[in-house]
Every structure is written in C-alpha cells, then in structure tokens.
C-alpha cells in the first residue's frame, strides 16, 4: 500500500473508531436519560420534558454513526447470496457495486439531510431550546462518514489492495452457524 493510502487508512480507521466510541457513549447516555425519565415519572411523579426528545436525538446520532462504521467494516447490505456462486472476479464487481450503492445512499443522506437542516434551522425545539435543524444534523454527519468509508473501500479495491480476501475465506453464515453448533456439542 502506498504511503498516502496508508496514512489515509490510518486516519479513517481513527475516525471509524472515534465514531464507534461516540455511538457507544450515546447509547449509554440515552439509556441513562430514559432511566431518569422513568424514575421521574413513576417515583417523583414529575417527568422532565427534555428527556424524550434528548433521547431520540442521541439515538439518531448513534444509529447513523454506527451505520457508517458498518460500511467501513463491510457490514452493510450486499449481494451475499450471489457471492457464493460467482467466481472471484465476479465477487469483486458485486462488492464494488455494493460500495457504489452505499456511496450513493450516503450522498443522498447528505443532500436531503442538508435540505432538512436548512428548512428547520430557524425553528426551535421547545423542550431542548435548540434549533430544530439539530434533529437532522446526524443524518448529514452519517452521510458524510458513509461516503468517506465507501470511497475508501472503492479506492483500495481499485489500487489492488486485497480488502476482500478475508471475506472470500469466510464460510457462508449458515455454514458458520452450523460449525459453531457442532463445536459446542463436541
């Protein structure tokens, strides 16, 4: 791998790790907020108005950040069924098409998410006292990350890097599940 691609890969790896940790922290924070809401509602009989919209906003952040990391780690939707019956050269093209679809989807998230942010920026979420546009910022941020991570996979594949070799060596999910079951019984 060239030095430039290697540096870019390390930077995107760091960004993916940061996104995953941020998503994890968001999940924990959302859980704590919901627990606080339940406690306030049923114990104190006074539920704060900010807890539900705050939890939903955190949820949108960790969903979109997690989805972007899924693209980087190749856990996004793909042509898995076809991959087991086509030769290796066909697998490369199917994976390339899958990454191009993820890239297009990410671009759509940016495009339409930015429009939603612009349309709602001058509104105020009453319970949080912030701009309504913040509800859609996670959509745009997730789209940017999905585009970056899909482009990384496309560029590495075009540069001849063996990013798909590990995937080609893995058994189909059904076979892997049977193998795990057989190992547990043994």
N, C-alpha and C. Protein backbone atom coordinates (compact mmCIF):
# COMPACT_ATOMS: atom_id res chain seq x y z
N UNK A 1 0.85 -1.17 0.00
CA UNK A 1 0.00 0.00 0.00
C UNK A 1 0.91 1.24 0.00
N UNK A 2 0.56 2.21 -0.81
CA UNK A 2 1.37 3.43 -0.88
C UNK A 2 1.29 4.19 0.43
N UNK A 3 2.27 5.06 0.66
CA UNK A 3 2.34 5.81 1.90
C UNK A 3 1.11 6.70 2.08
N UNK A 4 0.65 7.33 1.00
CA UNK A 4 -0.54 8.20 1.07
C UNK A 4 -1.79 7.42 1.44
N UNK A 5 -1.96 6.26 0.81
CA UNK A 5 -3.12 5.42 1.15
C UNK A 5 -3.03 4.88 2.56
N UNK A 6 -1.80 4.59 2.98
CA UNK A 6 -1.61 4.08 4.34
C UNK A 6 -1.98 5.14 5.38
N UNK A 7 -1.55 6.38 5.16
CA UNK A 7 -1.89 7.48 6.08
C UNK A 7 -3.39 7.73 6.08
N UNK A 8 -3.98 7.72 4.89
CA UNK A 8 -5.43 7.92 4.79
C UNK A 8 -6.17 6.80 5.50
N UNK A 9 -5.70 5.58 5.33
CA UNK A 9 -6.32 4.43 6.00
C UNK A 9 -6.24 4.54 7.51
N UNK A 10 -5.10 4.97 8.03
CA UNK A 10 -4.96 5.14 9.48
C UNK A 10 -5.89 6.25 9.98
N UNK A 11 -5.98 7.34 9.21
CA UNK A 11 -6.88 8.43 9.61
C UNK A 11 -8.33 8.00 9.61
N UNK A 12 -8.73 7.25 8.58
CA UNK A 12 -10.12 6.79 8.52
C UNK A 12 -10.38 5.71 9.56
N UNK A 13 -9.35 4.92 9.88
CA UNK A 13 -9.51 3.94 10.95
C UNK A 13 -9.74 4.65 12.28
N UNK A 14 -8.97 5.71 12.54
CA UNK A 14 -9.15 6.51 13.75
C UNK A 14 -10.54 7.12 13.77
N UNK A 15 -10.99 7.65 12.63
CA UNK A 15 -12.32 8.26 12.54
C UNK A 15 -13.42 7.22 12.78
N UNK A 16 -13.23 6.02 12.25
CA UNK A 16 -14.19 4.95 12.48
C UNK A 16 -14.25 4.54 13.94
N UNK A 17 -13.08 4.44 14.57
CA UNK A 17 -13.04 4.09 16.00
C UNK A 17 -13.68 5.18 16.84
N UNK A 18 -13.38 6.44 16.52
CA UNK A 18 -14.00 7.56 17.23
C UNK A 18 -15.51 7.54 17.06
N UNK A 19 -15.98 7.27 15.85
CA UNK A 19 -17.42 7.20 15.59
C UNK A 19 -18.07 6.08 16.39
N UNK A 20 -17.40 4.93 16.43
CA UNK A 20 -17.95 3.80 17.17
C UNK A 20 -18.01 4.09 18.67
N UNK A 21 -16.97 4.69 19.22
CA UNK A 21 -16.96 5.04 20.64
C UNK A 21 -18.01 6.11 20.94
N UNK A 22 -18.13 7.09 20.05
CA UNK A 22 -19.14 8.13 20.24
C UNK A 22 -20.53 7.52 20.22
N UNK A 23 -20.77 6.59 19.30
CA UNK A 23 -22.06 5.91 19.24
C UNK A 23 -22.32 5.12 20.52
N UNK A 24 -21.29 4.46 21.03
CA UNK A 24 -21.43 3.70 22.27
C UNK A 24 -21.74 4.59 23.46
N UNK A 25 -21.03 5.71 23.56
CA UNK A 25 -21.30 6.66 24.63
C UNK A 25 -22.71 7.22 24.51
N UNK A 26 -23.13 7.49 23.25
CA UNK A 26 -24.50 7.98 23.03
C UNK A 26 -25.54 6.96 23.46
N UNK A 27 -25.29 5.69 23.20
CA UNK A 27 -26.22 4.64 23.61
C UNK A 27 -26.33 4.58 25.14
N UNK A 28 -25.20 4.66 25.81
CA UNK A 28 -25.21 4.65 27.28
C UNK A 28 -25.93 5.89 27.81
N UNK A 29 -25.62 7.06 27.23
CA UNK A 29 -26.27 8.30 27.67
C UNK A 29 -27.77 8.24 27.44
N UNK A 30 -28.19 7.71 26.29
CA UNK A 30 -29.62 7.59 26.03
C UNK A 30 -30.28 6.67 27.06
N UNK A 31 -29.62 5.57 27.39
CA UNK A 31 -30.16 4.64 28.38
C UNK A 31 -30.31 5.32 29.74
N UNK A 32 -29.32 6.11 30.12
CA UNK A 32 -29.39 6.83 31.39
C UNK A 32 -30.51 7.88 31.38
N UNK A 33 -30.67 8.55 30.25
CA UNK A 33 -31.74 9.56 30.15
C UNK A 33 -33.11 8.90 30.26
N UNK A 34 -33.29 7.78 29.57
CA UNK A 34 -34.58 7.09 29.63
C UNK A 34 -34.81 6.57 31.05
N UNK A 35 -33.77 6.05 31.69
CA UNK A 35 -33.92 5.59 33.08
C UNK A 35 -34.31 6.76 34.00
N UNK A 36 -33.70 7.92 33.79
CA UNK A 36 -34.04 9.10 34.58
C UNK A 36 -35.50 9.49 34.35
N UNK A 37 -35.94 9.42 33.08
CA UNK A 37 -37.33 9.76 32.76
C UNK A 37 -38.29 8.82 33.48
N UNK A 38 -38.00 7.53 33.46
CA UNK A 38 -38.86 6.55 34.12
C UNK A 38 -38.88 6.80 35.63
N UNK A 39 -37.72 7.04 36.21
CA UNK A 39 -37.64 7.32 37.64
C UNK A 39 -38.47 8.57 37.99
N UNK A 40 -38.28 9.62 37.21
CA UNK A 40 -39.02 10.87 37.48
C UNK A 40 -40.53 10.69 37.32
N UNK A 41 -40.91 9.91 36.31
CA UNK A 41 -42.34 9.74 36.06
C UNK A 41 -43.01 8.90 37.15
N UNK A 42 -42.39 7.79 37.51
CA UNK A 42 -43.06 6.85 38.41
C UNK A 42 -42.70 7.03 39.88
N UNK A 43 -41.57 7.62 40.18
CA UNK A 43 -41.19 7.81 41.58
C UNK A 43 -41.48 9.25 42.03
N UNK A 44 -41.05 10.20 41.23
CA UNK A 44 -41.24 11.61 41.59
C UNK A 44 -42.56 12.19 41.07
N UNK A 45 -43.19 11.45 40.16
CA UNK A 45 -44.45 11.88 39.53
C UNK A 45 -44.30 13.24 38.83
N UNK A 46 -43.11 13.47 38.26
CA UNK A 46 -42.84 14.73 37.56
C UNK A 46 -41.79 14.46 36.48
N UNK A 47 -42.24 14.13 35.28
CA UNK A 47 -41.33 13.76 34.20
C UNK A 47 -40.78 15.01 33.50
N UNK A 48 -39.45 15.11 33.36
CA UNK A 48 -38.88 16.27 32.66
C UNK A 48 -39.25 16.25 31.18
N UNK A 49 -39.47 17.42 30.62
CA UNK A 49 -39.90 17.49 29.21
C UNK A 49 -38.76 17.25 28.23
N UNK A 50 -37.53 17.40 28.64
CA UNK A 50 -36.40 17.30 27.73
C UNK A 50 -35.92 15.86 27.51
N UNK A 51 -36.34 14.92 28.34
CA UNK A 51 -35.76 13.58 28.28
C UNK A 51 -36.10 12.82 27.01
N UNK A 52 -37.37 12.85 26.61
CA UNK A 52 -37.73 12.10 25.40
C UNK A 52 -37.08 12.66 24.15
N UNK A 53 -37.20 13.96 23.84
CA UNK A 53 -36.52 14.46 22.64
C UNK A 53 -35.00 14.35 22.73
N UNK A 54 -34.45 14.48 23.92
CA UNK A 54 -33.00 14.31 24.07
C UNK A 54 -32.57 12.89 23.77
N UNK A 55 -33.33 11.93 24.25
CA UNK A 55 -33.00 10.52 23.99
C UNK A 55 -33.14 10.19 22.51
N UNK A 56 -34.17 10.73 21.86
CA UNK A 56 -34.36 10.48 20.43
C UNK A 56 -33.22 11.08 19.62
N UNK A 57 -32.78 12.29 20.00
CA UNK A 57 -31.67 12.91 19.27
C UNK A 57 -30.39 12.09 19.45
N UNK A 58 -30.12 11.64 20.65
CA UNK A 58 -28.95 10.79 20.87
C UNK A 58 -29.05 9.49 20.08
N UNK A 59 -30.26 8.94 20.01
CA UNK A 59 -30.46 7.70 19.26
C UNK A 59 -30.14 7.90 17.79
N UNK A 60 -30.56 9.03 17.22
CA UNK A 60 -30.27 9.26 15.81
C UNK A 60 -28.76 9.40 15.58
N UNK A 61 -28.05 9.99 16.53
CA UNK A 61 -26.60 10.08 16.39
C UNK A 61 -25.97 8.70 16.39
N UNK A 62 -26.30 7.86 17.39
CA UNK A 62 -25.59 6.58 17.43
C UNK A 62 -26.04 5.63 16.33
N UNK A 63 -27.25 5.79 15.82
CA UNK A 63 -27.67 4.95 14.69
C UNK A 63 -26.87 5.31 13.43
N UNK A 64 -26.77 6.60 13.12
CA UNK A 64 -26.09 6.99 11.89
C UNK A 64 -24.57 6.81 11.99
N UNK A 65 -24.00 7.04 13.16
CA UNK A 65 -22.57 6.79 13.32
C UNK A 65 -22.27 5.29 13.22
N UNK A 66 -23.11 4.48 13.84
CA UNK A 66 -22.94 3.03 13.76
C UNK A 66 -23.11 2.50 12.35
N UNK A 67 -24.06 3.06 11.62
CA UNK A 67 -24.27 2.63 10.23
C UNK A 67 -23.04 2.96 9.38
N UNK A 68 -22.44 4.11 9.62
CA UNK A 68 -21.24 4.48 8.86
C UNK A 68 -20.09 3.53 9.16
N UNK A 69 -19.91 3.18 10.42
CA UNK A 69 -18.86 2.23 10.78
C UNK A 69 -19.16 0.87 10.14
N UNK A 70 -20.43 0.52 10.05
CA UNK A 70 -20.81 -0.72 9.37
C UNK A 70 -20.38 -0.73 7.91
N UNK A 71 -20.44 0.40 7.26
CA UNK A 71 -19.97 0.49 5.87
C UNK A 71 -18.46 0.28 5.84
N UNK A 72 -17.74 0.90 6.75
CA UNK A 72 -16.28 0.75 6.76
C UNK A 72 -15.87 -0.69 7.03
N UNK A 73 -16.59 -1.35 7.92
CA UNK A 73 -16.23 -2.72 8.30
C UNK A 73 -16.91 -3.76 7.42
N UNK A 74 -17.58 -3.32 6.38
CA UNK A 74 -18.26 -4.19 5.40
C UNK A 74 -19.40 -5.00 6.02
N UNK A 75 -20.14 -4.36 6.91
CA UNK A 75 -21.32 -5.00 7.49
C UNK A 75 -22.60 -4.46 6.89
N UNK A 76 -22.49 -3.68 5.83
CA UNK A 76 -23.69 -3.12 5.21
C UNK A 76 -24.32 -4.14 4.28
N UNK A 77 -25.47 -3.81 3.76
CA UNK A 77 -26.18 -4.72 2.86
C UNK A 77 -25.35 -4.97 1.61
N UNK A 78 -25.44 -6.17 1.10
CA UNK A 78 -24.69 -6.50 -0.10
C UNK A 78 -25.34 -7.65 -0.84
N UNK A 79 -24.59 -8.20 -1.79
CA UNK A 79 -25.08 -9.29 -2.63
C UNK A 79 -24.59 -10.63 -2.10
N UNK A 80 -24.82 -10.88 -0.83
CA UNK A 80 -24.23 -12.04 -0.18
C UNK A 80 -24.61 -13.36 -0.83
N UNK A 81 -25.85 -13.52 -1.24
CA UNK A 81 -26.28 -14.79 -1.81
C UNK A 81 -25.54 -15.06 -3.12
N UNK A 82 -25.41 -14.04 -3.94
CA UNK A 82 -24.70 -14.21 -5.21
C UNK A 82 -23.21 -14.46 -5.03
N UNK A 83 -22.65 -13.95 -3.95
CA UNK A 83 -21.20 -14.09 -3.74
C UNK A 83 -20.77 -15.54 -3.60
N UNK A 84 -21.68 -16.42 -3.22
CA UNK A 84 -21.31 -17.82 -3.03
C UNK A 84 -21.32 -18.63 -4.32
N UNK A 85 -21.85 -18.05 -5.38
CA UNK A 85 -21.95 -18.82 -6.62
C UNK A 85 -21.16 -18.22 -7.78
N UNK A 86 -20.64 -17.01 -7.63
CA UNK A 86 -19.88 -16.41 -8.73
C UNK A 86 -18.38 -16.57 -8.48
N UNK A 87 -17.59 -16.57 -9.56
CA UNK A 87 -16.13 -16.68 -9.38
C UNK A 87 -15.57 -15.41 -8.73
N UNK A 88 -14.30 -15.47 -8.32
CA UNK A 88 -13.66 -14.38 -7.59
C UNK A 88 -13.73 -13.06 -8.35
N UNK A 89 -13.55 -13.09 -9.66
CA UNK A 89 -13.60 -11.85 -10.44
C UNK A 89 -15.00 -11.23 -10.39
N UNK A 90 -16.02 -12.04 -10.33
CA UNK A 90 -17.38 -11.53 -10.22
C UNK A 90 -17.66 -10.96 -8.84
N UNK A 91 -17.05 -11.56 -7.83
CA UNK A 91 -17.23 -11.08 -6.45
C UNK A 91 -16.71 -9.66 -6.31
N UNK A 92 -15.59 -9.38 -6.94
CA UNK A 92 -15.01 -8.02 -6.87
C UNK A 92 -16.00 -7.02 -7.42
N UNK A 93 -16.63 -7.33 -8.54
CA UNK A 93 -17.58 -6.39 -9.15
C UNK A 93 -18.85 -6.24 -8.31
N UNK A 94 -19.33 -7.34 -7.76
CA UNK A 94 -20.51 -7.24 -6.90
C UNK A 94 -20.22 -6.39 -5.66
N UNK A 95 -19.04 -6.57 -5.07
CA UNK A 95 -18.68 -5.76 -3.91
C UNK A 95 -18.48 -4.30 -4.29
N UNK A 96 -17.94 -4.06 -5.48
CA UNK A 96 -17.77 -2.69 -5.96
C UNK A 96 -19.14 -2.03 -6.16
N UNK A 97 -20.06 -2.77 -6.75
CA UNK A 97 -21.42 -2.23 -6.93
C UNK A 97 -22.05 -1.93 -5.58
N UNK A 98 -21.87 -2.83 -4.64
CA UNK A 98 -22.42 -2.63 -3.30
C UNK A 98 -21.85 -1.37 -2.66
N UNK A 99 -20.55 -1.16 -2.80
CA UNK A 99 -19.93 0.05 -2.24
C UNK A 99 -20.39 1.30 -2.97
N UNK A 100 -20.60 1.20 -4.26
CA UNK A 100 -21.11 2.36 -5.03
C UNK A 100 -22.54 2.70 -4.60
N UNK A 101 -23.34 1.69 -4.32
CA UNK A 101 -24.71 1.94 -3.83
C UNK A 101 -24.65 2.59 -2.45
N UNK A 102 -23.76 2.12 -1.59
CA UNK A 102 -23.59 2.74 -0.27
C UNK A 102 -23.14 4.19 -0.42
N UNK A 103 -22.23 4.45 -1.36
CA UNK A 103 -21.77 5.82 -1.62
C UNK A 103 -22.93 6.71 -2.09
N UNK A 104 -23.74 6.19 -3.01
CA UNK A 104 -24.89 6.96 -3.49
C UNK A 104 -25.89 7.21 -2.37
N UNK A 105 -26.10 6.22 -1.55
CA UNK A 105 -27.01 6.37 -0.41
C UNK A 105 -26.48 7.42 0.56
N UNK A 106 -25.19 7.39 0.84
CA UNK A 106 -24.57 8.39 1.71
C UNK A 106 -24.70 9.79 1.13
N UNK A 107 -24.50 9.90 -0.18
CA UNK A 107 -24.66 11.21 -0.82
C UNK A 107 -26.10 11.70 -0.70
N UNK A 108 -27.06 10.79 -0.86
CA UNK A 108 -28.46 11.16 -0.69
C UNK A 108 -28.76 11.62 0.73
N UNK A 109 -28.13 10.97 1.70
CA UNK A 109 -28.31 11.38 3.09
C UNK A 109 -27.79 12.81 3.29
N UNK A 110 -26.64 13.10 2.69
CA UNK A 110 -26.07 14.45 2.80
C UNK A 110 -26.98 15.47 2.12
N UNK A 111 -27.37 15.18 0.90
CA UNK A 111 -28.16 16.11 0.09
C UNK A 111 -29.51 16.44 0.74
N UNK A 112 -30.27 15.39 1.01
CA UNK A 112 -31.60 15.61 1.57
C UNK A 112 -31.55 16.00 3.05
N UNK A 113 -30.56 15.48 3.77
CA UNK A 113 -30.40 15.87 5.16
C UNK A 113 -30.06 17.35 5.29
N UNK A 114 -29.20 17.85 4.40
CA UNK A 114 -28.85 19.27 4.42
C UNK A 114 -30.07 20.14 4.12
N UNK A 115 -30.92 19.66 3.23
CA UNK A 115 -32.15 20.41 2.94
C UNK A 115 -33.06 20.44 4.17
N UNK A 116 -33.16 19.33 4.88
CA UNK A 116 -33.96 19.29 6.10
C UNK A 116 -33.38 20.20 7.18
N UNK A 117 -32.06 20.20 7.30
CA UNK A 117 -31.41 21.09 8.27
C UNK A 117 -31.74 22.54 7.93
N UNK A 118 -31.60 22.89 6.65
CA UNK A 118 -31.86 24.27 6.24
C UNK A 118 -33.33 24.66 6.47
N UNK A 119 -34.24 23.74 6.19
CA UNK A 119 -35.67 24.04 6.36
C UNK A 119 -36.07 24.22 7.82
N UNK A 120 -35.39 23.53 8.71
CA UNK A 120 -35.81 23.54 10.11
C UNK A 120 -34.87 24.33 11.02
N UNK A 121 -33.84 24.95 10.45
CA UNK A 121 -32.86 25.62 11.29
C UNK A 121 -33.45 26.79 12.08
N UNK A 122 -34.41 27.49 11.52
CA UNK A 122 -34.98 28.66 12.20
C UNK A 122 -36.10 28.30 13.16
N UNK A 123 -36.37 27.03 13.33
CA UNK A 123 -37.36 26.61 14.32
C UNK A 123 -36.63 26.27 15.62
N UNK A 124 -37.37 26.19 16.70
CA UNK A 124 -36.77 25.86 17.99
C UNK A 124 -37.49 24.65 18.57
N UNK A 125 -36.71 23.69 19.02
CA UNK A 125 -37.29 22.55 19.74
C UNK A 125 -37.60 23.04 21.16
N UNK A 126 -38.87 23.16 21.51
CA UNK A 126 -39.21 23.82 22.77
C UNK A 126 -38.65 23.14 24.02
N UNK A 127 -38.61 21.83 24.02
CA UNK A 127 -38.16 21.15 25.23
C UNK A 127 -36.64 21.19 25.40
N UNK A 128 -35.91 21.33 24.30
CA UNK A 128 -34.44 21.36 24.38
C UNK A 128 -33.87 22.77 24.20
N UNK A 129 -34.68 23.68 23.70
CA UNK A 129 -34.27 25.06 23.44
C UNK A 129 -33.07 25.15 22.49
N UNK A 130 -33.10 24.29 21.45
CA UNK A 130 -32.08 24.35 20.40
C UNK A 130 -32.78 24.38 19.06
N UNK A 131 -32.03 24.69 18.03
CA UNK A 131 -32.59 24.75 16.68
C UNK A 131 -33.14 23.39 16.26
N UNK A 132 -34.25 23.40 15.55
CA UNK A 132 -34.83 22.18 15.03
C UNK A 132 -33.93 21.50 14.01
N UNK A 133 -33.01 22.27 13.41
CA UNK A 133 -32.09 21.69 12.44
C UNK A 133 -31.17 20.64 13.04
N UNK A 134 -30.93 20.75 14.36
CA UNK A 134 -30.07 19.77 15.02
C UNK A 134 -30.65 18.36 14.97
N UNK A 135 -31.94 18.25 14.73
CA UNK A 135 -32.56 16.92 14.61
C UNK A 135 -32.05 16.18 13.38
N UNK A 136 -31.62 16.94 12.36
CA UNK A 136 -31.21 16.32 11.09
C UNK A 136 -29.71 16.36 10.86
N UNK A 137 -28.96 17.02 11.72
CA UNK A 137 -27.50 17.04 11.58
C UNK A 137 -26.91 15.62 11.63
N UNK A 138 -27.41 14.71 12.48
CA UNK A 138 -26.85 13.35 12.48
C UNK A 138 -27.02 12.65 11.12
N UNK A 139 -28.09 12.96 10.40
CA UNK A 139 -28.30 12.38 9.07
C UNK A 139 -27.20 12.83 8.12
N UNK A 140 -26.86 14.11 8.16
CA UNK A 140 -25.81 14.65 7.30
C UNK A 140 -24.45 14.09 7.72
N UNK A 141 -24.16 14.09 9.02
CA UNK A 141 -22.87 13.58 9.51
C UNK A 141 -22.70 12.10 9.15
N UNK A 142 -23.75 11.31 9.34
CA UNK A 142 -23.69 9.90 8.96
C UNK A 142 -23.47 9.74 7.47
N UNK A 143 -24.11 10.57 6.67
CA UNK A 143 -23.93 10.51 5.22
C UNK A 143 -22.50 10.83 4.81
N UNK A 144 -21.90 11.83 5.45
CA UNK A 144 -20.51 12.18 5.15
C UNK A 144 -19.60 11.00 5.47
N UNK A 145 -19.80 10.40 6.63
CA UNK A 145 -18.96 9.26 7.02
C UNK A 145 -19.18 8.05 6.11
N UNK A 146 -20.43 7.80 5.74
CA UNK A 146 -20.70 6.68 4.82
C UNK A 146 -19.99 6.91 3.49
N UNK A 147 -20.04 8.14 2.97
CA UNK A 147 -19.35 8.46 1.72
C UNK A 147 -17.85 8.26 1.86
N UNK A 148 -17.27 8.76 2.95
CA UNK A 148 -15.83 8.60 3.17
C UNK A 148 -15.43 7.13 3.23
N UNK A 149 -16.18 6.35 4.00
CA UNK A 149 -15.82 4.95 4.18
C UNK A 149 -16.08 4.12 2.92
N UNK A 150 -17.14 4.43 2.18
CA UNK A 150 -17.39 3.72 0.92
C UNK A 150 -16.32 4.08 -0.10
N UNK A 151 -15.95 5.37 -0.17
CA UNK A 151 -14.87 5.79 -1.08
C UNK A 151 -13.56 5.11 -0.73
N UNK A 152 -13.28 4.97 0.57
CA UNK A 152 -12.06 4.28 0.98
C UNK A 152 -12.04 2.87 0.43
N UNK A 153 -13.13 2.15 0.56
CA UNK A 153 -13.19 0.77 0.07
C UNK A 153 -13.02 0.72 -1.44
N UNK A 154 -13.67 1.65 -2.13
CA UNK A 154 -13.57 1.68 -3.60
C UNK A 154 -12.14 1.97 -4.04
N UNK A 155 -11.51 2.98 -3.42
CA UNK A 155 -10.14 3.35 -3.79
C UNK A 155 -9.18 2.21 -3.50
N UNK A 156 -9.30 1.59 -2.34
CA UNK A 156 -8.42 0.48 -2.00
C UNK A 156 -8.59 -0.69 -2.98
N UNK A 157 -9.81 -0.97 -3.35
CA UNK A 157 -10.06 -2.06 -4.29
C UNK A 157 -9.45 -1.72 -5.66
N UNK A 158 -9.63 -0.48 -6.11
CA UNK A 158 -9.06 -0.07 -7.40
C UNK A 158 -7.53 -0.04 -7.37
N UNK A 159 -6.96 0.21 -6.19
CA UNK A 159 -5.50 0.21 -6.04
C UNK A 159 -4.94 -1.20 -5.96
N UNK A 160 -5.82 -2.20 -5.97
CA UNK A 160 -5.36 -3.59 -5.94
C UNK A 160 -5.13 -4.16 -4.56
N UNK A 161 -5.57 -3.45 -3.54
CA UNK A 161 -5.42 -3.95 -2.18
C UNK A 161 -6.36 -5.14 -1.96
N UNK A 162 -5.92 -6.15 -1.25
CA UNK A 162 -6.74 -7.36 -1.04
C UNK A 162 -7.77 -7.20 0.08
N UNK A 163 -8.62 -6.20 -0.02
CA UNK A 163 -9.57 -5.94 1.08
C UNK A 163 -10.68 -6.98 1.14
N UNK A 164 -10.87 -7.74 0.07
CA UNK A 164 -11.95 -8.73 0.05
C UNK A 164 -11.47 -10.14 0.32
N UNK A 165 -10.17 -10.35 0.43
CA UNK A 165 -9.65 -11.71 0.61
C UNK A 165 -10.17 -12.38 1.88
N UNK A 166 -10.22 -11.64 2.96
CA UNK A 166 -10.71 -12.19 4.23
C UNK A 166 -12.16 -12.62 4.08
N UNK A 167 -12.94 -11.82 3.35
CA UNK A 167 -14.35 -12.15 3.15
C UNK A 167 -14.52 -13.41 2.31
N UNK A 168 -13.63 -13.61 1.33
CA UNK A 168 -13.73 -14.78 0.47
C UNK A 168 -13.40 -16.06 1.21
N UNK A 169 -12.62 -15.95 2.28
CA UNK A 169 -12.23 -17.15 3.04
C UNK A 169 -13.27 -17.54 4.09
N UNK A 170 -14.21 -16.64 4.37
CA UNK A 170 -15.22 -16.92 5.40
C UNK A 170 -16.30 -17.84 4.83
N UNK A 171 -16.76 -18.80 5.64
CA UNK A 171 -17.87 -19.64 5.18
C UNK A 171 -19.18 -18.86 5.20
N UNK A 172 -20.17 -19.31 4.43
CA UNK A 172 -21.48 -18.64 4.49
C UNK A 172 -22.00 -18.65 5.92
N UNK A 173 -22.83 -17.69 6.24
CA UNK A 173 -23.34 -17.54 7.60
C UNK A 173 -24.02 -18.81 8.10
N UNK A 174 -24.77 -19.48 7.21
CA UNK A 174 -25.47 -20.70 7.62
C UNK A 174 -24.48 -21.80 7.98
N UNK A 175 -23.41 -21.92 7.19
CA UNK A 175 -22.40 -22.94 7.46
C UNK A 175 -21.65 -22.60 8.74
N UNK A 176 -21.33 -21.31 8.91
CA UNK A 176 -20.63 -20.88 10.12
C UNK A 176 -21.46 -21.17 11.36
N UNK A 177 -22.77 -20.95 11.28
CA UNK A 177 -23.64 -21.23 12.43
C UNK A 177 -23.65 -22.73 12.73
N UNK A 178 -23.70 -23.55 11.69
CA UNK A 178 -23.66 -25.00 11.89
C UNK A 178 -22.33 -25.43 12.48
N UNK A 179 -21.22 -24.82 12.03
CA UNK A 179 -19.91 -25.16 12.56
C UNK A 179 -19.81 -24.79 14.04
N UNK A 180 -20.33 -23.63 14.40
CA UNK A 180 -20.31 -23.23 15.81
C UNK A 180 -21.15 -24.18 16.66
N UNK A 181 -22.31 -24.59 16.15
CA UNK A 181 -23.16 -25.51 16.88
C UNK A 181 -22.45 -26.86 17.04
N UNK A 182 -21.79 -27.32 16.00
CA UNK A 182 -21.08 -28.59 16.07
C UNK A 182 -19.94 -28.52 17.07
N UNK A 183 -19.25 -27.36 17.15
CA UNK A 183 -18.13 -27.22 18.09
C UNK A 183 -18.64 -27.17 19.52
N UNK A 184 -19.81 -26.60 19.73
CA UNK A 184 -20.38 -26.51 21.08
C UNK A 184 -20.75 -27.91 21.58
N UNK A 185 -21.31 -28.74 20.69
CA UNK A 185 -21.73 -30.09 21.06
C UNK A 185 -20.55 -31.02 21.32
N UNK A 186 -19.43 -30.73 20.64
CA UNK A 186 -18.27 -31.64 20.74
C UNK A 186 -17.54 -31.53 22.05
